[in-house]
């Protein structure tokens, strides 16, 4: 198994639960993080080694290390020949590896259909040659893949099972030491080092502006352990360490506790939607990387909640639009205690509840059964 970043590690850990029920003596190894290792996964390399940000220059700076890891892993897999290889997302790393393994007769499963419906549709050819089977998180994906002769199964989104339909906000605030009497803003600037470089500072500056308007606003930021000290240092540099609460991990508690979130585009936006939280989606990267991505974008939305709902349910502020002032103004509309704001929040909560119900399947069991069919074919 290979999971390339924090979100992939979480998905892979849940998938391992189902596989271990199906095959109690299973042995798993490859590239993974803490969630996978907690299930007995043998991580030859940590998933953080594959985490990159952007589309061109940021990747090139890390390219040699990533190519070296993939070459070493390919050599080991072709020698040890596992019963099945499961690539968890990370298509730029996994699809090429899967192609080589499948060509040698090793069964391959790709978990999380690459977003060919959002951008880079040419990738479908590579998926067809790389994967014996694709496990899909969203209900429309198997039919789309079937048109290209790619076998796939809709397994739901495992996070929809993990996250409660009605999150307990008061309990989450208690665990985080937050007051129930004052509003809470969650800052989620991403889990990659380069994301923090581009996104964390304007997020913190936006929170500073919001504190001027909402003096009792509580602001909390869940940091992956590897970035905790960097984010703490940035908060001290900006002079906000006395009121910005930075916690290690606990992103689900933070999303359950907050009234709204300022959040980087990615899997975390879907988590926020499953917690039924209003949000402002943002992203920032190297300008040339952004222009290249724009050319391959097929839909007007980048945030998963908006893509899945096929409309701008929540605002998106990207690249040059994502100034601290603009971010603060967008968040303020959710924090405004007016009748109009409350009606809008209620509508968003209803929309996200319906989305949660649609995505809530027995993902671990469905995935294990699909993998069993691949092994039996």
Protein backbone atom coordinates (compact mmCIF):
# COMPACT_ATOMS: atom_id res chain seq x y z
CA UNK A 1 0.00 0.00 0.00
CA UNK A 2 1.09 3.56 -0.68
CA UNK A 3 -0.56 6.63 0.87
CA UNK A 4 1.02 9.91 -0.04
CA UNK A 5 -0.12 12.41 2.56
CA UNK A 6 -2.17 12.91 5.73
CA UNK A 7 -5.60 12.48 4.10
CA UNK A 8 -4.46 9.35 2.26
CA UNK A 9 -3.03 7.90 5.47
CA UNK A 10 -6.42 8.39 7.16
CA UNK A 11 -8.30 6.71 4.30
CA UNK A 12 -5.81 3.85 4.16
CA UNK A 13 -6.09 3.27 7.91
CA UNK A 14 -9.85 2.86 7.56
CA UNK A 15 -9.39 0.57 4.55
CA UNK A 16 -6.98 -1.58 6.57
CA UNK A 17 -9.71 -2.10 9.19
CA UNK A 18 -11.88 -3.83 6.59
CA UNK A 19 -9.02 -5.80 5.08
CA UNK A 20 -7.93 -7.06 8.50
CA UNK A 21 -11.47 -8.29 9.18
CA UNK A 22 -11.49 -10.03 5.80
CA UNK A 23 -7.98 -11.45 6.23
CA UNK A 24 -6.96 -11.52 9.94
CA UNK A 25 -3.40 -12.64 9.11
CA UNK A 26 -2.82 -9.94 6.49
CA UNK A 27 0.64 -8.39 6.27
CA UNK A 28 0.84 -4.89 4.83
CA UNK A 29 3.81 -2.71 3.96
CA UNK A 30 4.85 0.17 1.75
CA UNK A 31 4.49 3.92 2.33
CA UNK A 32 2.17 5.22 5.03
CA UNK A 33 1.64 7.35 8.09
CA UNK A 34 0.50 7.13 11.69
CA UNK A 35 -3.05 5.86 11.05
CA UNK A 36 -1.73 2.97 8.97
CA UNK A 37 1.05 2.14 11.40
CA UNK A 38 -1.47 1.96 14.24
CA UNK A 39 -2.99 -0.99 12.32
CA UNK A 40 0.35 -2.81 12.14
CA UNK A 41 1.37 -1.42 8.74
CA UNK A 42 5.11 -1.62 8.05
CA UNK A 43 6.01 1.84 6.70
CA UNK A 44 9.24 1.56 4.72
CA UNK A 45 8.96 5.31 4.17
CA UNK A 46 6.66 7.82 5.91
CA UNK A 47 3.87 9.27 3.78
CA UNK A 48 5.22 12.78 4.41
CA UNK A 49 8.09 12.02 2.03
CA UNK A 50 5.60 12.14 -0.86
CA UNK A 51 3.67 15.23 0.23
CA UNK A 52 4.16 18.04 -2.28
CA UNK A 53 2.31 21.26 -3.08
CA UNK A 54 1.62 22.78 -6.45
CA UNK A 55 2.01 21.58 -9.98
CA UNK A 56 5.49 22.34 -11.27
CA UNK A 57 8.33 24.05 -9.42
CA UNK A 58 7.48 22.79 -5.94
CA UNK A 59 7.35 19.23 -7.27
CA UNK A 60 10.60 19.56 -9.21
CA UNK A 61 12.45 20.59 -6.07
CA UNK A 62 11.47 17.25 -4.50
CA UNK A 63 11.49 15.16 -7.65
CA UNK A 64 14.79 13.34 -7.15
CA UNK A 65 13.83 12.07 -3.71
CA UNK A 66 10.37 10.94 -4.87
CA UNK A 67 11.70 9.20 -7.99
CA UNK A 68 14.32 7.43 -5.89
CA UNK A 69 11.70 6.17 -3.43
CA UNK A 70 9.43 4.92 -6.21
CA UNK A 71 12.34 3.11 -7.91
CA UNK A 72 13.36 1.38 -4.67
CA UNK A 73 9.78 0.40 -3.87
CA UNK A 74 9.14 -0.91 -7.39
CA UNK A 75 12.25 -3.09 -7.17
CA UNK A 76 11.17 -4.51 -3.82
CA UNK A 77 7.58 -5.17 -4.94
CA UNK A 78 8.66 -6.92 -8.14
CA UNK A 79 10.96 -9.07 -6.03
CA UNK A 80 8.59 -9.81 -3.11
CA UNK A 81 5.43 -9.87 -5.30
CA UNK A 82 2.54 -9.08 -2.93
CA UNK A 83 -0.92 -10.55 -3.55
CA UNK A 84 -2.26 -7.08 -4.25
CA UNK A 85 -1.00 -3.52 -4.41
CA UNK A 86 -3.37 -0.78 -3.24
CA UNK A 87 -2.52 2.78 -4.18
CA UNK A 88 -4.28 5.30 -1.96
CA UNK A 89 -4.84 8.50 -3.96
CA UNK A 90 -1.43 10.15 -4.83
CA UNK A 91 -2.06 9.43 -8.54
CA UNK A 92 1.14 11.07 -9.79
CA UNK A 93 3.14 8.59 -7.71
CA UNK A 94 0.87 5.55 -7.69
CA UNK A 95 -0.48 5.23 -11.23
CA UNK A 96 2.94 4.86 -12.82
CA UNK A 97 3.94 2.33 -10.19
CA UNK A 98 0.67 0.44 -10.68
CA UNK A 99 1.28 0.28 -14.44
CA UNK A 100 4.60 -1.49 -13.93
CA UNK A 101 3.23 -3.86 -11.29
CA UNK A 102 0.15 -4.77 -13.31
CA UNK A 103 2.27 -5.41 -16.40
CA UNK A 104 4.25 -7.92 -14.33
CA UNK A 105 1.08 -9.74 -13.23
CA UNK A 106 0.56 -8.20 -9.78
CA UNK A 107 -3.07 -7.27 -9.02
CA UNK A 108 -3.56 -3.53 -8.55
CA UNK A 109 -6.33 -1.53 -6.89
CA UNK A 110 -6.51 2.26 -6.85
CA UNK A 111 -8.47 3.73 -3.95
CA UNK A 112 -9.92 7.17 -4.74
CA UNK A 113 -10.74 7.85 -8.35
CA UNK A 114 -8.52 10.65 -9.67
CA UNK A 115 -10.62 13.74 -10.27
CA UNK A 116 -10.88 13.31 -14.04
CA UNK A 117 -14.32 14.94 -13.79
CA UNK A 118 -12.71 18.12 -12.38
CA UNK A 119 -9.39 18.44 -14.20
CA UNK A 120 -6.78 16.48 -16.24
CA UNK A 121 -9.29 14.24 -18.09
CA UNK A 122 -6.42 12.77 -20.13
CA UNK A 123 -5.45 10.82 -17.02
CA UNK A 124 -8.22 8.28 -17.73
CA UNK A 125 -5.96 6.44 -20.19
CA UNK A 126 -3.34 5.93 -17.52
CA UNK A 127 -5.93 4.73 -15.01
CA UNK A 128 -7.14 2.08 -17.49
CA UNK A 129 -3.64 0.64 -17.91
CA UNK A 130 -2.71 0.96 -14.21
CA UNK A 131 -5.61 -0.36 -12.16
CA UNK A 132 -7.41 -3.70 -12.21
CA UNK A 133 -10.09 -2.01 -10.13
CA UNK A 134 -10.86 1.48 -8.77
CA UNK A 135 -12.59 2.07 -5.44
CA UNK A 136 -14.69 5.23 -5.78
CA UNK A 137 -15.66 7.63 -3.03
CA UNK A 138 -18.44 9.35 -4.94
CA UNK A 139 -21.56 7.75 -6.49
CA UNK A 140 -21.23 9.17 -10.02
CA UNK A 141 -17.67 7.91 -10.58
CA UNK A 142 -18.20 4.18 -11.48
CA UNK A 143 -20.49 5.04 -14.41
CA UNK A 144 -17.97 7.59 -15.64
CA UNK A 145 -15.14 5.05 -15.47
CA UNK A 146 -17.27 2.32 -17.08
CA UNK A 147 -17.50 4.47 -20.22
CA UNK A 148 -13.73 4.03 -20.48
CA UNK A 149 -13.78 0.27 -19.74
CA UNK A 150 -12.43 0.68 -16.22
CA UNK A 151 -13.85 -1.61 -13.52
CA UNK A 152 -14.90 0.30 -10.42
CA UNK A 153 -17.02 0.07 -7.27
CA UNK A 154 -18.69 2.86 -5.33
CA UNK A 155 -17.77 2.27 -1.69
CA UNK A 156 -18.92 5.55 -0.15
CA UNK A 157 -16.60 7.84 1.70
CA UNK A 158 -15.12 6.32 4.89
CA UNK A 159 -15.11 9.70 6.59
CA UNK A 160 -18.91 9.75 6.34
CA UNK A 161 -18.98 6.79 8.72
CA UNK A 162 -16.37 8.16 11.11
CA UNK A 163 -17.93 11.60 11.46
CA UNK A 164 -21.24 11.60 13.39
CA UNK A 165 -24.37 12.80 11.63
CA UNK A 166 -24.94 15.22 14.54
CA UNK A 167 -21.58 16.32 15.95
CA UNK A 168 -21.47 17.23 19.64
CA UNK A 169 -20.19 20.80 19.58
CA UNK A 170 -20.22 21.30 23.35
CA UNK A 171 -18.25 18.11 24.00
CA UNK A 172 -15.65 19.03 21.38
CA UNK A 173 -15.25 22.48 22.89
CA UNK A 174 -14.81 20.92 26.30
CA UNK A 175 -11.99 18.68 25.02
CA UNK A 176 -10.28 21.70 23.47
CA UNK A 177 -10.77 23.97 26.46
CA UNK A 178 -12.99 26.41 24.53
CA UNK A 179 -15.92 28.38 25.89
CA UNK A 180 -19.47 27.52 24.84
CA UNK A 181 -20.46 31.18 25.23
CA UNK A 182 -18.36 32.70 22.45
CA UNK A 183 -18.01 31.93 18.73
CA UNK A 184 -15.20 29.72 17.42
CA UNK A 185 -13.35 30.07 14.13
CA UNK A 186 -11.25 27.13 12.90
CA UNK A 187 -8.22 27.81 10.71
CA UNK A 188 -7.16 24.84 8.56
CA UNK A 189 -4.28 25.94 6.32
CA UNK A 190 -3.39 22.43 5.13
CA UNK A 191 -1.12 19.60 6.15
CA UNK A 192 1.78 20.12 3.76
CA UNK A 193 4.82 22.27 4.51
CA UNK A 194 4.48 24.34 1.33
CA UNK A 195 0.78 24.91 1.98
CA UNK A 196 1.68 26.47 5.29
CA UNK A 197 4.22 28.64 3.50
CA UNK A 198 1.59 30.08 1.16
CA UNK A 199 -1.62 29.89 3.18
CA UNK A 200 -1.05 30.01 6.93
CA UNK A 201 0.05 33.65 7.14
CA UNK A 202 -2.94 35.20 5.30
CA UNK A 203 -5.25 32.93 7.32
CA UNK A 204 -3.76 34.21 10.57
CA UNK A 205 -3.89 37.80 9.32
CA UNK A 206 -7.56 37.35 8.40
CA UNK A 207 -8.24 36.03 11.90
CA UNK A 208 -6.54 39.12 13.33
CA UNK A 209 -8.91 41.36 11.36
CA UNK A 210 -11.89 39.31 12.50
CA UNK A 211 -10.87 39.65 16.14
CA UNK A 212 -11.14 43.41 15.69
CA UNK A 213 -14.77 43.01 14.63
CA UNK A 214 -15.67 40.08 16.90
CA UNK A 215 -13.71 40.73 20.08
CA UNK A 216 -14.78 37.51 21.80
CA UNK A 217 -13.95 35.29 18.82
CA UNK A 218 -12.02 32.15 19.75
CA UNK A 219 -9.61 30.99 17.06
CA UNK A 220 -8.14 27.49 16.95
CA UNK A 221 -5.79 25.87 14.44
CA UNK A 222 -5.16 22.10 14.30
CA UNK A 223 -1.60 21.42 13.15
CA UNK A 224 -0.07 18.17 11.97
CA UNK A 225 2.76 17.37 14.41
CA UNK A 226 5.50 18.00 11.83
CA UNK A 227 4.31 21.60 11.31
CA UNK A 228 3.32 22.47 14.88
CA UNK A 229 6.53 24.36 15.74
CA UNK A 230 6.54 26.22 12.42
CA UNK A 231 2.98 27.44 12.98
CA UNK A 232 3.73 28.38 16.57
CA UNK A 233 6.71 30.42 15.38
CA UNK A 234 4.54 32.19 12.79
CA UNK A 235 1.93 33.06 15.42
CA UNK A 236 4.65 34.62 17.60
CA UNK A 237 6.05 36.49 14.60
CA UNK A 238 2.60 37.99 13.94
CA UNK A 239 2.06 38.79 17.64
CA UNK A 240 -1.08 36.65 17.98
CA UNK A 241 0.21 33.71 20.02
CA UNK A 242 -1.65 34.93 23.12
CA UNK A 243 -5.07 34.29 21.56
CA UNK A 244 -4.50 31.85 18.66
CA UNK A 245 -4.88 28.32 20.04
CA UNK A 246 -2.73 25.88 18.05
CA UNK A 247 -3.28 22.22 18.86
CA UNK A 248 -1.49 19.12 17.58
CA UNK A 249 -3.83 17.04 15.44
CA UNK A 250 -7.43 17.00 16.76
CA UNK A 251 -8.76 18.39 13.47
CA UNK A 252 -12.08 16.57 13.93
CA UNK A 253 -12.56 18.03 17.39
CA UNK A 254 -11.74 21.47 15.99
CA UNK A 255 -14.27 21.12 13.15
CA UNK A 256 -16.92 19.81 15.56
CA UNK A 257 -16.28 22.72 17.91
CA UNK A 258 -16.25 25.61 15.45
CA UNK A 259 -19.04 27.86 14.19
CA UNK A 260 -17.28 28.19 10.84
CA UNK A 261 -13.91 27.47 9.29
CA UNK A 262 -11.43 29.19 7.01
CA UNK A 263 -10.00 26.19 5.20
CA UNK A 264 -7.56 25.22 2.45
CA UNK A 265 -9.08 23.39 -0.51
CA UNK A 266 -8.65 19.63 -0.24
CA UNK A 267 -10.06 16.64 1.61
CA UNK A 268 -10.45 18.75 4.75
CA UNK A 269 -13.24 20.73 3.06
CA UNK A 270 -15.26 17.52 2.74
CA UNK A 271 -14.61 16.79 6.42
CA UNK A 272 -15.89 20.25 7.28
CA UNK A 273 -19.02 19.61 5.18
CA UNK A 274 -19.61 16.31 6.99
CA UNK A 275 -19.40 18.24 10.26
CA UNK A 276 -22.10 20.52 8.72
CA UNK A 277 -19.95 23.60 9.18
CA UNK A 278 -20.13 26.80 7.11
CA UNK A 279 -16.75 27.56 5.55
CA UNK A 280 -14.71 29.79 3.33
CA UNK A 281 -12.53 27.73 0.98
CA UNK A 282 -9.20 29.18 -0.08
CA UNK A 283 -5.97 28.19 -1.75
CA UNK A 284 -2.70 29.78 -2.79
CA UNK A 285 0.37 28.45 -4.57
CA UNK A 286 3.20 29.50 -6.85
CA UNK A 287 1.66 31.74 -9.57
CA UNK A 288 2.89 29.64 -12.49
CA UNK A 289 1.60 26.44 -10.85
CA UNK A 290 -1.79 28.09 -10.44
CA UNK A 291 -1.95 29.15 -14.10
CA UNK A 292 -1.06 25.65 -15.25
CA UNK A 293 -3.75 24.11 -13.04
CA UNK A 294 -6.34 26.62 -14.25
CA UNK A 295 -5.78 25.52 -17.85
CA UNK A 296 -6.69 21.93 -16.93
CA UNK A 297 -9.66 22.76 -14.70
CA UNK A 298 -13.00 21.47 -16.02
CA UNK A 299 -15.43 22.86 -13.44
CA UNK A 300 -16.01 26.30 -11.92
CA UNK A 301 -15.49 24.99 -8.38
CA UNK A 302 -12.39 23.73 -6.57
CA UNK A 303 -13.84 22.95 -3.13
CA UNK A 304 -15.19 19.40 -2.82
CA UNK A 305 -18.45 20.50 -1.12
CA UNK A 306 -19.23 22.82 -4.03
CA UNK A 307 -18.22 20.22 -6.63
CA UNK A 308 -20.44 17.56 -5.05
CA UNK A 309 -23.37 19.98 -4.73
CA UNK A 310 -22.74 21.42 -8.24
CA UNK A 311 -23.04 25.00 -7.01
CA UNK A 312 -21.29 27.56 -4.83
CA UNK A 313 -22.79 26.48 -1.52
CA UNK A 314 -19.82 28.09 0.25
CA UNK A 315 -17.53 30.86 -1.03
CA UNK A 316 -14.15 30.19 -2.63
CA UNK A 317 -11.34 32.73 -2.59
CA UNK A 318 -8.31 31.59 -4.55
CA UNK A 319 -4.86 32.95 -5.28
CA UNK A 320 -4.95 36.76 -5.72
CA UNK A 321 -8.50 36.90 -4.34
CA UNK A 322 -7.32 35.42 -1.04
CA UNK A 323 -6.11 38.60 0.66
CA UNK A 324 -6.47 38.75 4.44
CA UNK A 325 -9.15 41.43 4.12
CA UNK A 326 -11.20 39.48 1.58
CA UNK A 327 -10.92 36.29 3.63
CA UNK A 328 -11.99 38.13 6.79
CA UNK A 329 -14.98 39.72 5.07
CA UNK A 330 -16.16 36.35 3.72
CA UNK A 331 -15.86 34.67 7.12
CA UNK A 332 -17.63 37.61 8.81
CA UNK A 333 -20.76 36.85 6.80
CA UNK A 334 -20.99 33.47 8.56
CA UNK A 335 -20.29 34.96 11.99
CA UNK A 336 -22.82 37.78 11.58
CA UNK A 337 -25.63 37.18 14.08
CA UNK A 338 -28.38 38.35 11.74
CA UNK A 339 -31.56 36.53 10.71
CA UNK A 340 -30.26 36.36 7.13
CA UNK A 341 -27.01 34.72 8.24
CA UNK A 342 -28.85 32.20 10.42
CA UNK A 343 -31.12 31.23 7.52
CA UNK A 344 -28.12 30.79 5.23
CA UNK A 345 -26.31 28.66 7.82
CA UNK A 346 -29.40 26.49 8.27
CA UNK A 347 -29.63 25.94 4.51
CA UNK A 348 -25.97 24.91 4.35
CA UNK A 349 -26.41 22.50 7.27
CA UNK A 350 -29.37 20.85 5.51
CA UNK A 351 -27.44 20.54 2.23
CA UNK A 352 -24.44 19.01 3.98
CA UNK A 353 -26.65 16.60 5.94
CA UNK A 354 -28.09 15.29 2.66
CA UNK A 355 -24.56 14.94 1.27
CA UNK A 356 -23.48 13.07 4.40
CA UNK A 357 -26.35 10.60 4.05
CA UNK A 358 -25.49 9.96 0.40
CA UNK A 359 -21.83 9.23 1.17
CA UNK A 360 -22.45 7.09 4.26
CA UNK A 361 -21.83 3.46 3.22
CA UNK A 362 -20.03 0.53 4.86
CA UNK A 363 -16.86 1.58 3.06
CA UNK A 364 -14.44 -0.76 4.79
CA UNK A 365 -16.51 -3.88 4.09
CA UNK A 366 -17.44 -2.88 0.52
CA UNK A 367 -13.77 -2.14 -0.24
CA UNK A 368 -12.55 -5.45 1.20
CA UNK A 369 -15.16 -7.36 -0.82
CA UNK A 370 -14.13 -5.54 -4.01
CA UNK A 371 -10.48 -6.38 -3.37
CA UNK A 372 -11.46 -10.02 -2.77
CA UNK A 373 -13.12 -10.12 -6.22
CA UNK A 374 -9.96 -8.71 -7.79
CA UNK A 375 -7.87 -11.40 -6.11
CA UNK A 376 -10.31 -14.09 -7.27
CA UNK A 377 -10.43 -12.96 -10.89
